[in-house]
Amino acid sequence: MMIRSLIRAASVMFASTVLALAFAAAPARAATITINGSNCTWDSNSQALTCSSNTGGGSAPSGCTLTANGANPATLPASGGTVVLNASCSSSGAPTSYNWSGTGLQPSTASGSQSINITQNQSFSVTPVNATGAGNTASVAVTLGGPPPPPPPGSLANCTNQGLTVLGSVNPITWGQSASWLSQSSGAFGNNTVWLFQLTVASNTPPSTTYGSFTVTEAQGNNTVTRQVTVSSTPCDFRPMDVTGATGPQTMSIGSTARVLYGVGTPSFYDLLIGNAPLAAGTYYISVRNYSCGNTCSSSNCPAIGTDQTAAP
């Protein structure tokens, strides 16, 4: 037994000596070998074998997370929508590919991002990997039924949110040009219907020395329907008037013949006194509705005439 132990110890010492001599005999130029998936380099100066796992590289990804539209968990409107999935790992080796799980996803990608449209509650997961191995699996749940996204600027959501229907399409008005319209050309002007005009003031428009006006009168001549007209940067703005436009329309008129004034210039006390809307360059809406809670039209159609008078610089 003693003899066997001595022989084994001598063999180990001999093998170690041979390995050391082999590396010592290696040229000064570094040589790279692979051991268990790690790149190892023999440094003949320091007489040491350095592997990538010893320097922080060559390790699987870790600290991996997954978000949907930047959130986890995420919520979309009840109707669904587009989801952008983004995976990221905070430590260890960088991912070189991603293994995905979820209906409609590509199963494997080189990118940590995917975009998909969903119409029902769904969950997604991803496992980032590199040559060393797989990182932790990250997941995210997307639930439908959240609040709808805010309407885009210039949309008619403010009208529909009040239960109002826009009569036909929005009628364009160009600053400095006169025009006239008949409501029946666009459809039936009944209750809870808004006749909408879009007024555009071009950039670099000089202050006006005269006021433009928009007037609504009865097409049938009986003057029995009371109407409300407002000028605002928001369509269907029937809030109390605010000449600055911050909390309501800049001007308003109510009557069987309703008439609003507008011009280009800086708001003044005189504007407030006469009800003039002082406009800057931009887009504004002239909104017309049958007034008193939108229910003064005695039939499904109460035709009207809209007239825009020239405002000259």
Protein backbone atom coordinates (compact mmCIF):
# COMPACT_ATOMS: atom_id res chain seq x y z
CA MET A 1 0.00 0.00 0.00
CA MET A 2 2.79 2.39 0.93
CA ILE A 3 4.57 1.65 -2.33
CA ARG A 4 1.41 2.41 -4.37
CA SER A 5 0.93 5.77 -2.66
CA LEU A 6 4.53 6.74 -3.31
CA ILE A 7 4.18 5.79 -6.97
CA ARG A 8 0.94 7.83 -7.33
CA ALA A 9 2.48 10.93 -5.72
CA ALA A 10 5.54 10.65 -7.91
CA SER A 11 3.32 10.40 -11.00
CA VAL A 12 1.38 13.59 -10.08
CA MET A 13 4.62 15.48 -9.44
CA PHE A 14 6.04 14.28 -12.74
CA ALA A 15 2.92 15.34 -14.68
CA SER A 16 2.92 18.78 -13.07
CA THR A 17 6.58 19.24 -13.88
CA VAL A 18 6.03 18.24 -17.50
CA LEU A 19 3.06 20.68 -17.84
CA ALA A 20 5.07 23.54 -16.31
CA LEU A 21 8.03 22.78 -18.57
CA ALA A 22 5.74 22.66 -21.61
CA PHE A 23 4.31 26.13 -20.87
CA ALA A 24 7.74 27.47 -19.98
CA ALA A 25 9.01 26.25 -23.33
CA ALA A 26 6.13 28.03 -25.13
CA PRO A 27 7.13 31.05 -27.18
CA ALA A 28 6.65 34.53 -25.76
CA ARG A 29 3.74 34.96 -28.21
CA ALA A 30 0.51 34.13 -26.31
CA ALA A 31 -1.23 30.89 -27.22
CA THR A 32 -4.99 30.43 -26.71
CA ILE A 33 -6.72 27.18 -25.85
CA THR A 34 -10.34 26.46 -24.91
CA ILE A 35 -11.17 24.75 -21.62
CA ASN A 36 -14.84 24.08 -20.77
CA GLY A 37 -16.02 26.85 -23.11
CA SER A 38 -13.60 29.49 -21.76
CA ASN A 39 -10.73 30.93 -23.77
CA CYS A 40 -7.46 30.48 -21.87
CA THR A 41 -4.12 32.15 -22.63
CA TRP A 42 -0.68 31.18 -21.28
CA ASP A 43 1.39 34.19 -20.23
CA SER A 44 5.05 33.10 -20.47
CA ASN A 45 6.22 36.18 -18.59
CA SER A 46 4.08 35.62 -15.52
CA GLN A 47 4.07 31.85 -16.03
CA ALA A 48 0.27 31.80 -15.52
CA LEU A 49 -2.74 30.48 -17.38
CA THR A 50 -5.48 33.15 -17.62
CA CYS A 51 -9.01 32.15 -18.66
CA SER A 52 -11.80 34.45 -19.75
CA SER A 53 -13.93 33.30 -16.82
CA ASN A 54 -11.22 34.74 -14.55
CA THR A 55 -11.55 38.21 -16.12
CA GLY A 56 -15.33 38.61 -15.96
CA GLY A 57 -16.05 37.54 -19.56
CA GLY A 58 -17.26 34.28 -21.00
CA SER A 59 -20.26 34.04 -18.66
CA ALA A 60 -23.95 33.65 -19.35
CA PRO A 61 -26.22 36.74 -19.27
CA SER A 62 -27.88 37.60 -15.98
CA GLY A 63 -30.15 40.23 -14.48
CA CYS A 64 -32.38 40.02 -17.56
CA THR A 65 -35.74 41.83 -17.67
CA LEU A 66 -38.56 42.18 -20.24
CA THR A 67 -40.88 45.18 -20.73
CA ALA A 68 -43.90 45.83 -22.97
CA ASN A 69 -44.17 49.43 -24.17
CA GLY A 70 -41.70 50.30 -21.43
CA ALA A 71 -43.72 48.76 -18.58
CA ASN A 72 -44.01 45.50 -16.67
CA PRO A 73 -46.81 44.58 -16.30
CA ALA A 74 -48.38 46.55 -19.15
CA THR A 75 -51.93 47.67 -19.93
CA LEU A 76 -53.55 48.47 -23.28
CA PRO A 77 -57.04 49.78 -24.18
CA ALA A 78 -59.79 47.19 -24.36
CA SER A 79 -59.56 47.17 -28.15
CA GLY A 80 -55.89 46.10 -28.00
CA GLY A 81 -53.04 47.60 -29.95
CA THR A 82 -49.34 47.39 -30.74
CA VAL A 83 -46.89 46.14 -28.12
CA VAL A 84 -43.13 46.68 -28.34
CA LEU A 85 -41.21 44.11 -26.29
CA ASN A 86 -37.71 44.99 -25.11
CA ALA A 87 -35.31 42.63 -23.31
CA SER A 88 -32.18 43.76 -21.47
CA CYS A 89 -29.59 42.18 -19.16
CA SER A 90 -27.79 44.20 -16.51
CA SER A 91 -24.77 42.01 -15.75
CA SER A 92 -22.43 39.16 -16.80
CA GLY A 93 -21.95 38.31 -20.47
CA ALA A 94 -23.76 40.17 -23.24
CA PRO A 95 -26.51 38.20 -25.06
CA THR A 96 -25.91 37.22 -28.66
CA SER A 97 -29.41 35.85 -29.32
CA TYR A 98 -32.83 35.69 -27.68
CA ASN A 99 -35.22 32.75 -27.37
CA TRP A 100 -38.83 34.03 -27.24
CA SER A 101 -42.07 32.48 -26.08
CA GLY A 102 -45.51 33.92 -26.86
CA THR A 103 -48.22 33.79 -29.52
CA GLY A 104 -47.18 35.59 -32.69
CA LEU A 105 -43.52 36.11 -31.75
CA GLN A 106 -40.47 35.00 -33.70
CA PRO A 107 -39.03 32.11 -31.64
CA SER A 108 -35.42 33.21 -31.97
CA THR A 109 -33.91 36.59 -32.87
CA ALA A 110 -30.58 38.34 -32.78
CA SER A 111 -32.31 41.46 -31.46
CA GLY A 112 -33.70 41.95 -27.98
CA SER A 113 -36.80 43.71 -29.34
CA GLN A 114 -39.99 42.55 -31.07
CA SER A 115 -43.21 44.33 -32.04
CA ILE A 116 -46.60 42.63 -32.15
CA ASN A 117 -50.28 43.61 -32.37
CA ILE A 118 -52.54 41.94 -29.79
CA THR A 119 -56.31 41.82 -29.29
CA GLN A 120 -56.46 39.79 -26.07
CA ASN A 121 -54.61 39.38 -22.77
CA GLN A 122 -51.22 37.78 -23.38
CA SER A 123 -47.98 36.91 -21.63
CA PHE A 124 -44.53 36.87 -23.20
CA SER A 125 -41.13 35.58 -22.08
CA VAL A 126 -37.56 35.64 -23.33
CA THR A 127 -34.31 33.86 -22.49
CA PRO A 128 -31.15 35.71 -23.56
CA VAL A 129 -28.21 33.43 -24.43
CA ASN A 130 -24.58 33.63 -25.55
CA ALA A 131 -21.80 31.13 -26.31
CA THR A 132 -21.33 30.41 -22.62
CA GLY A 133 -24.95 29.59 -21.84
CA ALA A 134 -28.48 30.80 -21.20
CA GLY A 135 -29.40 33.64 -18.89
CA ASN A 136 -32.45 33.89 -16.67
CA THR A 137 -35.89 33.84 -18.33
CA ALA A 138 -37.80 37.13 -18.06
CA SER A 139 -41.58 37.52 -18.52
CA VAL A 140 -44.19 40.26 -18.91
CA ALA A 141 -48.01 40.19 -18.89
CA VAL A 142 -50.07 42.51 -21.11
CA THR A 143 -53.67 43.13 -20.02
CA LEU A 144 -56.41 44.77 -22.10
CA GLY A 145 -58.96 47.14 -20.62
CA GLY A 146 -56.83 50.13 -19.64
CA PRO A 147 -57.71 53.76 -20.38
CA PRO A 148 -57.61 54.78 -24.05
CA PRO A 149 -54.60 56.75 -25.22
CA PRO A 150 -54.98 60.54 -25.41
CA PRO A 151 -56.37 61.78 -28.72
CA PRO A 152 -53.82 63.15 -31.19
CA PRO A 153 -53.66 66.95 -31.58
CA GLY A 154 -56.37 68.25 -33.89
CA SER A 155 -58.55 65.16 -33.55
CA LEU A 156 -62.31 65.30 -33.10
CA ALA A 157 -62.26 63.27 -29.88
CA ASN A 158 -63.47 66.29 -27.90
CA CYS A 159 -66.64 66.19 -30.01
CA THR A 160 -67.36 62.49 -29.73
CA ASN A 161 -66.52 62.50 -26.00
CA GLN A 162 -69.46 64.90 -25.54
CA GLY A 163 -71.78 62.71 -27.57
CA LEU A 164 -71.72 65.16 -30.47
CA THR A 165 -71.70 64.23 -34.15
CA VAL A 166 -69.78 66.32 -36.68
CA LEU A 167 -71.93 67.36 -39.63
CA GLY A 168 -70.25 65.95 -42.74
CA SER A 169 -66.56 66.80 -42.89
CA VAL A 170 -64.68 69.74 -41.39
CA ASN A 171 -64.96 72.79 -43.67
CA PRO A 172 -61.67 74.65 -44.29
CA ILE A 173 -61.45 78.44 -43.99
CA THR A 174 -58.41 80.44 -45.11
CA TRP A 175 -57.64 83.72 -43.36
CA GLY A 176 -58.44 86.68 -45.63
CA GLN A 177 -60.95 84.91 -47.91
CA SER A 178 -64.76 85.12 -47.76
CA ALA A 179 -67.06 82.13 -48.28
CA SER A 180 -70.55 80.87 -47.58
CA TRP A 181 -71.94 77.39 -46.82
CA LEU A 182 -75.33 75.66 -46.57
CA SER A 183 -75.63 73.04 -43.86
CA GLN A 184 -77.85 70.81 -46.00
CA SER A 185 -74.92 70.37 -48.39
CA SER A 186 -73.19 68.39 -45.64
CA GLY A 187 -76.22 66.56 -44.21
CA ALA A 188 -78.94 66.91 -41.60
CA PHE A 189 -78.24 69.59 -38.98
CA GLY A 190 -80.22 68.17 -36.06
CA ASN A 191 -79.78 68.12 -32.31
CA ASN A 192 -76.41 67.11 -30.82
CA THR A 193 -74.80 67.82 -34.19
CA VAL A 194 -71.91 70.24 -34.66
CA TRP A 195 -71.21 72.14 -37.86
CA LEU A 196 -67.43 72.48 -37.80
CA PHE A 197 -65.06 74.84 -39.64
CA GLN A 198 -61.26 74.86 -39.50
CA LEU A 199 -59.70 78.33 -39.71
CA THR A 200 -55.99 78.49 -40.62
CA VAL A 201 -53.84 81.54 -39.92
CA ALA A 202 -50.56 81.26 -41.83
CA SER A 203 -47.24 81.97 -40.18
CA ASN A 204 -45.90 85.53 -40.45
CA THR A 205 -49.44 86.87 -40.84
CA PRO A 206 -49.32 90.56 -39.81
CA PRO A 207 -51.76 91.97 -37.23
CA SER A 208 -55.11 92.80 -38.80
CA THR A 209 -56.58 96.28 -38.80
CA THR A 210 -60.12 94.95 -39.39
CA TYR A 211 -62.04 92.06 -37.87
CA GLY A 212 -63.20 88.97 -39.66
CA SER A 213 -66.57 87.48 -38.75
CA PHE A 214 -68.49 84.25 -38.98
CA THR A 215 -72.30 84.46 -38.96
CA VAL A 216 -74.91 81.70 -38.75
CA THR A 217 -78.50 82.37 -39.82
CA GLU A 218 -81.60 80.34 -40.61
CA ALA A 219 -81.69 78.84 -44.08
CA GLN A 220 -85.50 78.72 -43.98
CA GLY A 221 -85.87 82.31 -42.79
CA ASN A 222 -88.09 81.64 -39.76
CA ASN A 223 -85.38 82.45 -37.15
CA THR A 224 -86.79 80.00 -34.62
CA VAL A 225 -83.65 78.04 -33.81
CA THR A 226 -81.13 79.39 -31.29
CA ARG A 227 -77.54 78.46 -32.09
CA GLN A 228 -74.19 78.75 -30.35
CA VAL A 229 -70.95 79.61 -32.18
CA THR A 230 -67.48 79.48 -30.62
CA VAL A 231 -63.90 80.08 -31.81
CA SER A 232 -61.22 77.96 -30.16
CA SER A 233 -58.05 75.99 -30.85
CA THR A 234 -60.09 72.94 -29.79
CA PRO A 235 -63.02 71.59 -31.84
CA CYS A 236 -66.43 71.50 -30.11
CA ASP A 237 -65.23 73.81 -27.34
CA PHE A 238 -68.45 74.95 -25.64
CA ARG A 239 -66.97 75.86 -22.26
CA PRO A 240 -67.40 79.35 -20.76
CA MET A 241 -65.50 81.95 -22.80
CA ASP A 242 -61.87 82.87 -22.05
CA VAL A 243 -60.41 85.51 -24.38
CA THR A 244 -56.91 84.06 -23.83
CA GLY A 245 -58.09 80.59 -24.93
CA ALA A 246 -56.54 78.93 -21.86
CA THR A 247 -59.74 77.56 -20.29
CA GLY A 248 -62.36 78.03 -22.97
CA PRO A 249 -63.18 79.45 -26.41
CA GLN A 250 -61.76 82.88 -27.18
CA THR A 251 -65.14 84.19 -28.27
CA MET A 252 -68.76 83.01 -28.30
CA SER A 253 -72.15 84.07 -29.67
CA ILE A 254 -75.63 82.71 -28.95
CA GLY A 255 -78.82 83.62 -30.83
CA SER A 256 -81.07 82.89 -33.79
CA THR A 257 -78.48 84.91 -35.69
CA ALA A 258 -75.13 84.16 -34.05
CA ARG A 259 -72.03 86.13 -35.05
CA VAL A 260 -68.43 85.94 -33.80
CA LEU A 261 -65.51 88.30 -34.52
CA TYR A 262 -61.86 87.43 -34.87
CA GLY A 263 -58.61 89.11 -35.85
CA VAL A 264 -54.86 88.62 -35.69
CA GLY A 265 -53.07 90.36 -32.86
CA THR A 266 -52.27 90.50 -29.14
CA PRO A 267 -55.25 90.10 -26.75
CA SER A 268 -56.45 93.40 -25.32
CA PHE A 269 -59.18 94.74 -23.07
CA TYR A 270 -60.97 96.00 -26.17
CA ASP A 271 -61.06 92.44 -27.54
CA LEU A 272 -62.75 91.32 -24.33
CA LEU A 273 -65.17 94.25 -24.51
CA ILE A 274 -66.41 93.55 -28.04
CA GLY A 275 -65.96 89.77 -27.94
CA ASN A 276 -63.23 89.61 -30.54
CA ALA A 277 -60.99 86.52 -30.68
CA PRO A 278 -57.34 87.66 -31.03
CA LEU A 279 -55.60 84.93 -33.02
CA ALA A 280 -51.97 84.05 -33.65
CA ALA A 281 -50.58 81.87 -36.43
CA GLY A 282 -52.04 78.36 -36.16
CA THR A 283 -55.23 76.35 -36.54
CA TYR A 284 -58.58 77.25 -34.96
CA TYR A 285 -62.06 75.77 -35.01
CA ILE A 286 -65.37 77.55 -35.45
CA SER A 287 -67.96 75.25 -33.85
CA VAL A 288 -71.71 75.70 -34.45
CA ARG A 289 -74.46 73.77 -32.66
CA ASN A 290 -78.18 74.05 -32.02
CA TYR A 291 -78.18 75.58 -28.55
CA SER A 292 -79.76 75.00 -25.12
CA CYS A 293 -78.28 71.59 -24.39
CA GLY A 294 -78.25 70.99 -28.14
CA ASN A 295 -82.00 70.45 -28.28
CA THR A 296 -83.74 73.45 -29.86
CA CYS A 297 -84.11 71.98 -33.33
CA SER A 298 -87.73 70.80 -33.60
CA SER A 299 -86.94 68.26 -36.33
CA SER A 300 -84.07 66.06 -37.41
CA ASN A 301 -82.83 68.81 -39.72
CA CYS A 302 -82.82 72.57 -39.11
CA PRO A 303 -80.87 73.99 -42.09
CA ALA A 304 -78.57 76.95 -41.54
CA ILE A 305 -76.37 79.30 -43.54
CA GLY A 306 -72.77 79.95 -42.48
CA THR A 307 -70.97 83.02 -43.81
CA ASP A 308 -67.32 83.95 -43.30
CA GLN A 309 -66.44 87.59 -43.99
CA THR A 310 -62.96 88.65 -45.07
CA ALA A 311 -60.54 89.86 -42.42
CA ALA A 312 -57.92 91.98 -44.16
CA PRO A 313 -54.46 92.74 -42.78
